[in-house]
C-alpha atoms as a PDB file:
ATOM      1  CA  MET A   1      24.761 -82.993 128.420  1.00  0.00           C
ATOM      2  CA  ALA A   2      27.354 -81.420 130.681  1.00  0.00           C
ATOM      3  CA  THR A   3      29.444 -84.574 130.441  1.00  0.00           C
ATOM      4  CA  ASP A   4      29.500 -84.412 126.613  1.00  0.00           C
ATOM      5  CA  PHE A   5      30.739 -80.837 126.689  1.00  0.00           C
ATOM      6  CA  LEU A   6      33.457 -81.633 129.223  1.00  0.00           C
ATOM      7  CA  ASP A   7      34.541 -84.674 127.219  1.00  0.00           C
ATOM      8  CA  GLN A   8      34.777 -82.574 124.063  1.00  0.00           C
ATOM      9  CA  LEU A   9      36.738 -79.933 125.913  1.00  0.00           C
ATOM     10  CA  ALA A  10      39.136 -82.557 127.282  1.00  0.00           C
ATOM     11  CA  GLU A  11      39.858 -83.873 123.791  1.00  0.00           C
ATOM     12  CA  ALA A  12      40.277 -80.441 122.139  1.00  0.00           C
ATOM     13  CA  GLU A  13      43.735 -79.514 120.849  1.00  0.00           C
ATOM     14  CA  VAL A  14      45.184 -76.430 122.515  1.00  0.00           C
ATOM     15  CA  PRO A  15      48.101 -74.754 120.738  1.00  0.00           C
ATOM     16  CA  PRO A  16      51.101 -73.742 122.863  1.00  0.00           C
ATOM     17  CA  PRO A  17      51.347 -70.041 123.743  1.00  0.00           C
ATOM     18  CA  PRO A  18      53.674 -67.887 121.630  1.00  0.00           C
ATOM     19  CA  ASP A  19      57.163 -67.133 122.922  1.00  0.00           C
ATOM     20  CA  GLU A  20      56.517 -63.435 123.459  1.00  0.00           C
ATOM     21  CA  PHE A  21      53.383 -64.225 125.481  1.00  0.00           C
ATOM     22  CA  ASP A  22      55.384 -64.686 128.702  1.00  0.00           C
ATOM     23  CA  ALA A  23      57.404 -61.504 128.191  1.00  0.00           C
ATOM     24  CA  GLY A  24      54.321 -59.394 127.466  1.00  0.00           C
ATOM     25  CA  LEU A  25      52.434 -60.886 130.380  1.00  0.00           C
ATOM     26  CA  ARG A  26      55.344 -60.303 132.751  1.00  0.00           C
ATOM     27  CA  ARG A  27      55.771 -56.720 131.549  1.00  0.00           C
ATOM     28  CA  ARG A  28      52.092 -55.885 132.052  1.00  0.00           C
ATOM     29  CA  LEU A  29      51.969 -57.700 135.375  1.00  0.00           C
ATOM     30  CA  ASN A  30      55.097 -55.961 136.666  1.00  0.00           C
ATOM     31  CA  GLN A  31      53.746 -52.555 135.656  1.00  0.00           C
ATOM     32  CA  ALA A  32      50.431 -53.251 137.348  1.00  0.00           C
ATOM     33  CA  LEU A  33      52.081 -54.561 140.520  1.00  0.00           C
ATOM     34  CA  THR A  34      54.487 -51.637 140.656  1.00  0.00           C
ATOM     35  CA  ALA A  35      51.665 -49.143 140.233  1.00  0.00           C
ATOM     36  CA  TRP A  36      49.620 -50.952 142.890  1.00  0.00           C
ATOM     37  CA  HIS A  37      52.489 -50.957 145.384  1.00  0.00           C
ATOM     38  CA  VAL A  38      53.394 -47.302 144.794  1.00  0.00           C
ATOM     39  CA  ALA A  39      49.764 -46.209 145.092  1.00  0.00           C
ATOM     40  CA  GLY A  40      49.284 -48.284 148.234  1.00  0.00           C
ATOM     41  CA  PHE A  41      52.455 -46.909 149.794  1.00  0.00           C
ATOM     42  CA  LEU A  42      51.524 -43.320 149.016  1.00  0.00           C
ATOM     43  CA  LEU A  43      47.928 -43.661 150.141  1.00  0.00           C
ATOM     44  CA  ARG A  44      48.901 -45.364 153.386  1.00  0.00           C
ATOM     45  CA  SER A  45      51.994 -43.362 154.278  1.00  0.00           C
ATOM     46  CA  ALA A  46      50.966 -39.869 153.143  1.00  0.00           C
ATOM     47  CA  PRO A  47      48.328 -39.361 155.868  1.00  0.00           C
ATOM     48  CA  TYR A  48      50.724 -40.694 158.509  1.00  0.00           C
ATOM     49  CA  VAL A  49      53.538 -38.422 157.348  1.00  0.00           C
ATOM     50  CA  LEU A  50      51.256 -35.403 157.159  1.00  0.00           C
ATOM     51  CA  ALA A  51      49.825 -36.099 160.601  1.00  0.00           C
ATOM     52  CA  HIS A  52      53.262 -36.257 162.201  1.00  0.00           C
ATOM     53  CA  LEU A  53      55.389 -33.928 160.095  1.00  0.00           C
ATOM     54  CA  LEU A  54      52.959 -31.089 159.448  1.00  0.00           C
ATOM     55  CA  PRO A  55      52.612 -29.944 163.094  1.00  0.00           C
ATOM     56  CA  ALA A  56      56.393 -29.904 163.498  1.00  0.00           C
ATOM     57  CA  ALA A  57      56.870 -27.994 160.244  1.00  0.00           C
ATOM     58  CA  MET A  58      54.169 -25.476 161.180  1.00  0.00           C
ATOM     59  CA  TYR A  59      55.762 -25.007 164.611  1.00  0.00           C
ATOM     60  CA  LEU A  60      59.158 -24.393 162.993  1.00  0.00           C
ATOM     61  CA  ILE A  61      57.682 -21.867 160.570  1.00  0.00           C
ATOM     62  CA  ARG A  62      55.828 -20.095 163.373  1.00  0.00           C
ATOM     63  CA  ALA A  63      58.949 -19.999 165.553  1.00  0.00           C
ATOM     64  CA  SER A  64      61.001 -18.670 162.639  1.00  0.00           C
ATOM     65  CA  VAL A  65      58.513 -15.950 161.765  1.00  0.00           C
ATOM     66  CA  THR A  66      57.776 -14.799 165.303  1.00  0.00           C
ATOM     67  CA  GLY A  67      61.247 -15.362 166.748  1.00  0.00           C
ATOM     68  CA  HIS A  68      59.707 -16.900 169.863  1.00  0.00           C
ATOM     69  CA  TRP A  69      60.491 -20.504 170.744  1.00  0.00           C
ATOM     70  CA  ASP A  70      57.639 -21.619 172.988  1.00  0.00           C
ATOM     71  CA  VAL A  71      58.360 -24.789 174.930  1.00  0.00           C
ATOM     72  CA  LYS A  72      55.208 -26.343 176.296  1.00  0.00           C
ATOM     73  CA  ASN A  73      56.737 -28.066 179.338  1.00  0.00           C
ATOM     74  CA  GLY A  74      57.565 -24.754 181.014  1.00  0.00           C
ATOM     75  CA  ARG A  75      61.340 -25.011 181.205  1.00  0.00           C
ATOM     76  CA  ASP A  76      62.034 -22.061 178.931  1.00  0.00           C
ATOM     77  CA  ALA A  77      58.921 -20.103 179.780  1.00  0.00           C
ATOM     78  CA  GLU A  78      60.448 -18.931 183.083  1.00  0.00           C
ATOM     79  CA  ASP A  79      63.788 -17.603 181.921  1.00  0.00           C
ATOM     80  CA  GLY A  80      62.959 -16.671 178.347  1.00  0.00           C
ATOM     81  CA  ASP A  81      66.507 -17.196 177.063  1.00  0.00           C
ATOM     82  CA  GLY A  82      65.852 -20.593 175.483  1.00  0.00           C
ATOM     83  CA  ALA A  83      68.677 -22.239 177.418  1.00  0.00           C
ATOM     84  CA  GLY A  84      66.363 -24.567 179.268  1.00  0.00           C
ATOM     85  CA  GLY A  85      67.804 -23.790 182.663  1.00  0.00           C
ATOM     86  CA  SER A  86      66.095 -23.019 185.920  1.00  0.00           C
ATOM     87  CA  GLY A  87      65.785 -19.314 185.211  1.00  0.00           C
ATOM     88  CA  ASN A  88      68.457 -18.029 187.573  1.00  0.00           C
ATOM     89  CA  SER A  89      72.128 -17.505 186.873  1.00  0.00           C
ATOM     90  CA  ASN A  90      73.624 -18.781 190.115  1.00  0.00           C
ATOM     91  CA  GLY A  91      73.791 -22.447 189.206  1.00  0.00           C
ATOM     92  CA  GLY A  92      70.341 -23.475 190.329  1.00  0.00           C
ATOM     93  CA  ASP A  93      70.610 -22.115 193.850  1.00  0.00           C
ATOM     94  CA  SER A  94      67.278 -20.434 194.514  1.00  0.00           C
ATOM     95  CA  LYS A  95      68.549 -18.425 197.535  1.00  0.00           C
ATOM     96  CA  GLY A  96      70.384 -15.903 195.395  1.00  0.00           C
ATOM     97  CA  SER A  97      73.634 -14.124 196.246  1.00  0.00           C
ATOM     98  CA  ASP A  98      74.046 -12.285 199.583  1.00  0.00           C
END
């Protein structure tokens, strides 16, 4: 029985597709692929960007509002002027001037 059906299907006449079939198919396919790529890019990159950019932006806003630039490695915490030096004005000599 299955062989009869397949034989009939093999002998059936299939008309050629219309000319605008390819253009319509390509247009729909390109729109779908573009939407898929944009959605994938946004869904994959948005969390990464937010995870890395948001702390820096919040730190900049906090530093702008408070006027205090807090460096976590301790360089500027000693002198408080934000220059990143050693905290003394005699060129790094810790003995001081006599």
